[in-house]
Amino acid sequence: AALKKSRYVLYFHSENSRNSPFIKAELSQAKEADKKIKLVLLDESPQDYSTLSLVGNVNGVKLFKRADMKNLFESLLDPNFIYGK
């Protein structure tokens, strides 16, 4: 029910999340529900192909340090935000 009401889904990518079958299942549900998935990179670990095919966007907002929070909030508020600024 919550997924239907949401405008988009945030995917926080890290080495741990990349290997989680639960994350992949949730991303699959979001894609099936035709929800935009916004990618937030928590580290520089590589992304795997199966997750990328669900997310559909290799570029994401980096959230490696506190200063990166501004880009994250801008991307959430602005539908035309360009990833990788």
C-alpha atoms as a PDB file:
ATOM      1  CA  ALA A   1       0.000   0.000   0.000  1.00  0.00           C
ATOM      2  CA  ALA A   2       2.831   2.438   0.833  1.00  0.00           C
ATOM      3  CA  LEU A   3       4.551   1.773  -2.494  1.00  0.00           C
ATOM      4  CA  LYS A   4       1.416   2.738  -4.425  1.00  0.00           C
ATOM      5  CA  LYS A   5       1.262   6.083  -2.610  1.00  0.00           C
ATOM      6  CA  SER A   6       4.936   6.953  -3.127  1.00  0.00           C
ATOM      7  CA  ARG A   7       6.256   9.170  -5.919  1.00  0.00           C
ATOM      8  CA  TYR A   8       9.638   7.453  -6.050  1.00  0.00           C
ATOM      9  CA  VAL A   9      11.861   4.970  -4.232  1.00  0.00           C
ATOM     10  CA  LEU A  10      15.300   5.692  -2.804  1.00  0.00           C
ATOM     11  CA  TYR A  11      17.960   3.046  -3.279  1.00  0.00           C
ATOM     12  CA  PHE A  12      20.948   3.511  -0.988  1.00  0.00           C
ATOM     13  CA  HIS A  13      23.718   1.619  -2.764  1.00  0.00           C
ATOM     14  CA  SER A  14      26.606   0.197  -0.750  1.00  0.00           C
ATOM     15  CA  GLU A  15      28.654  -2.959  -0.822  1.00  0.00           C
ATOM     16  CA  ASN A  16      26.211  -4.548   1.633  1.00  0.00           C
ATOM     17  CA  SER A  17      23.036  -3.487  -0.170  1.00  0.00           C
ATOM     18  CA  ARG A  18      24.434  -4.619  -3.526  1.00  0.00           C
ATOM     19  CA  ASN A  19      24.546  -8.210  -2.276  1.00  0.00           C
ATOM     20  CA  SER A  20      21.167  -8.215  -0.539  1.00  0.00           C
ATOM     21  CA  PRO A  21      18.421 -10.361  -2.088  1.00  0.00           C
ATOM     22  CA  PHE A  22      15.866  -8.315  -0.112  1.00  0.00           C
ATOM     23  CA  ILE A  23      16.987  -5.083  -1.768  1.00  0.00           C
ATOM     24  CA  LYS A  24      16.732  -6.629  -5.233  1.00  0.00           C
ATOM     25  CA  ALA A  25      13.214  -7.896  -4.448  1.00  0.00           C
ATOM     26  CA  GLU A  26      12.130  -4.438  -3.280  1.00  0.00           C
ATOM     27  CA  LEU A  27      13.650  -2.752  -6.330  1.00  0.00           C
ATOM     28  CA  SER A  28      11.826  -5.274  -8.547  1.00  0.00           C
ATOM     29  CA  GLN A  29       8.532  -4.404  -6.861  1.00  0.00           C
ATOM     30  CA  ALA A  30       9.207  -0.695  -7.360  1.00  0.00           C
ATOM     31  CA  LYS A  31       9.951  -1.222 -11.045  1.00  0.00           C
ATOM     32  CA  GLU A  32       6.802  -3.318 -11.502  1.00  0.00           C
ATOM     33  CA  ALA A  33       4.817  -0.517  -9.847  1.00  0.00           C
ATOM     34  CA  ASP A  34       6.377   1.897 -12.384  1.00  0.00           C
ATOM     35  CA  LYS A  35       8.051   3.974  -9.665  1.00  0.00           C
ATOM     36  CA  LYS A  36      11.109   6.083 -10.391  1.00  0.00           C
ATOM     37  CA  ILE A  37      14.098   4.793  -8.432  1.00  0.00           C
ATOM     38  CA  LYS A  38      16.553   7.425  -7.224  1.00  0.00           C
ATOM     39  CA  LEU A  39      20.053   6.128  -6.637  1.00  0.00           C
ATOM     40  CA  VAL A  40      22.063   7.313  -3.620  1.00  0.00           C
ATOM     41  CA  LEU A  41      25.660   6.070  -3.528  1.00  0.00           C
ATOM     42  CA  LEU A  42      26.997   5.475  -0.016  1.00  0.00           C
ATOM     43  CA  ASP A  43      30.389   4.173  -1.122  1.00  0.00           C
ATOM     44  CA  GLU A  44      32.356   3.509  -4.289  1.00  0.00           C
ATOM     45  CA  SER A  45      31.599  -0.195  -4.516  1.00  0.00           C
ATOM     46  CA  PRO A  46      30.770  -1.339  -8.052  1.00  0.00           C
ATOM     47  CA  GLN A  47      27.165  -1.831  -9.042  1.00  0.00           C
ATOM     48  CA  ASP A  48      26.101  -5.170 -10.444  1.00  0.00           C
ATOM     49  CA  TYR A  49      24.236  -5.512 -13.739  1.00  0.00           C
ATOM     50  CA  SER A  50      21.028  -6.958 -12.284  1.00  0.00           C
ATOM     51  CA  THR A  51      20.611  -4.040  -9.889  1.00  0.00           C
ATOM     52  CA  LEU A  52      21.475  -1.496 -12.591  1.00  0.00           C
ATOM     53  CA  SER A  53      18.827  -2.972 -14.874  1.00  0.00           C
ATOM     54  CA  LEU A  54      16.249  -2.327 -12.141  1.00  0.00           C
ATOM     55  CA  VAL A  55      17.463   1.153 -11.229  1.00  0.00           C
ATOM     56  CA  GLY A  56      17.984   2.231 -14.818  1.00  0.00           C
ATOM     57  CA  ASN A  57      20.430   4.981 -13.909  1.00  0.00           C
ATOM     58  CA  VAL A  58      24.148   4.448 -13.400  1.00  0.00           C
ATOM     59  CA  ASN A  59      24.638   7.940 -12.055  1.00  0.00           C
ATOM     60  CA  GLY A  60      23.458   8.717  -8.605  1.00  0.00           C
ATOM     61  CA  VAL A  61      23.885  11.250  -5.889  1.00  0.00           C
ATOM     62  CA  LYS A  62      27.042  10.603  -3.882  1.00  0.00           C
ATOM     63  CA  LEU A  63      26.579  10.681  -0.143  1.00  0.00           C
ATOM     64  CA  PHE A  64      30.134  10.021   0.987  1.00  0.00           C
ATOM     65  CA  LYS A  65      30.486  13.013   3.308  1.00  0.00           C
ATOM     66  CA  ARG A  66      28.269  15.526   5.068  1.00  0.00           C
ATOM     67  CA  ALA A  67      28.746  18.164   2.336  1.00  0.00           C
ATOM     68  CA  ASP A  68      27.029  15.822  -0.151  1.00  0.00           C
ATOM     69  CA  MET A  69      23.684  16.212   1.653  1.00  0.00           C
ATOM     70  CA  LYS A  70      22.837  19.338  -0.372  1.00  0.00           C
ATOM     71  CA  ASN A  71      22.902  17.405  -3.675  1.00  0.00           C
ATOM     72  CA  LEU A  72      20.809  14.641  -2.146  1.00  0.00           C
ATOM     73  CA  PHE A  73      18.078  17.019  -1.017  1.00  0.00           C
ATOM     74  CA  GLU A  74      18.139  18.900  -4.326  1.00  0.00           C
ATOM     75  CA  SER A  75      17.698  15.635  -6.221  1.00  0.00           C
ATOM     76  CA  LEU A  76      14.727  14.664  -4.058  1.00  0.00           C
ATOM     77  CA  LEU A  77      12.962  17.990  -4.469  1.00  0.00           C
ATOM     78  CA  ASP A  78      13.708  18.692  -8.116  1.00  0.00           C
ATOM     79  CA  PRO A  79      12.416  16.150 -10.675  1.00  0.00           C
ATOM     80  CA  ASN A  80      14.773  17.655 -13.277  1.00  0.00           C
ATOM     81  CA  PHE A  81      17.886  17.299 -11.104  1.00  0.00           C
ATOM     82  CA  ILE A  82      20.882  16.087 -13.097  1.00  0.00           C
ATOM     83  CA  TYR A  83      22.753  13.278 -11.326  1.00  0.00           C
ATOM     84  CA  GLY A  84      26.519  13.452 -11.153  1.00  0.00           C
ATOM     85  CA  LYS A  85      26.823  17.237 -10.823  1.00  0.00           C
END
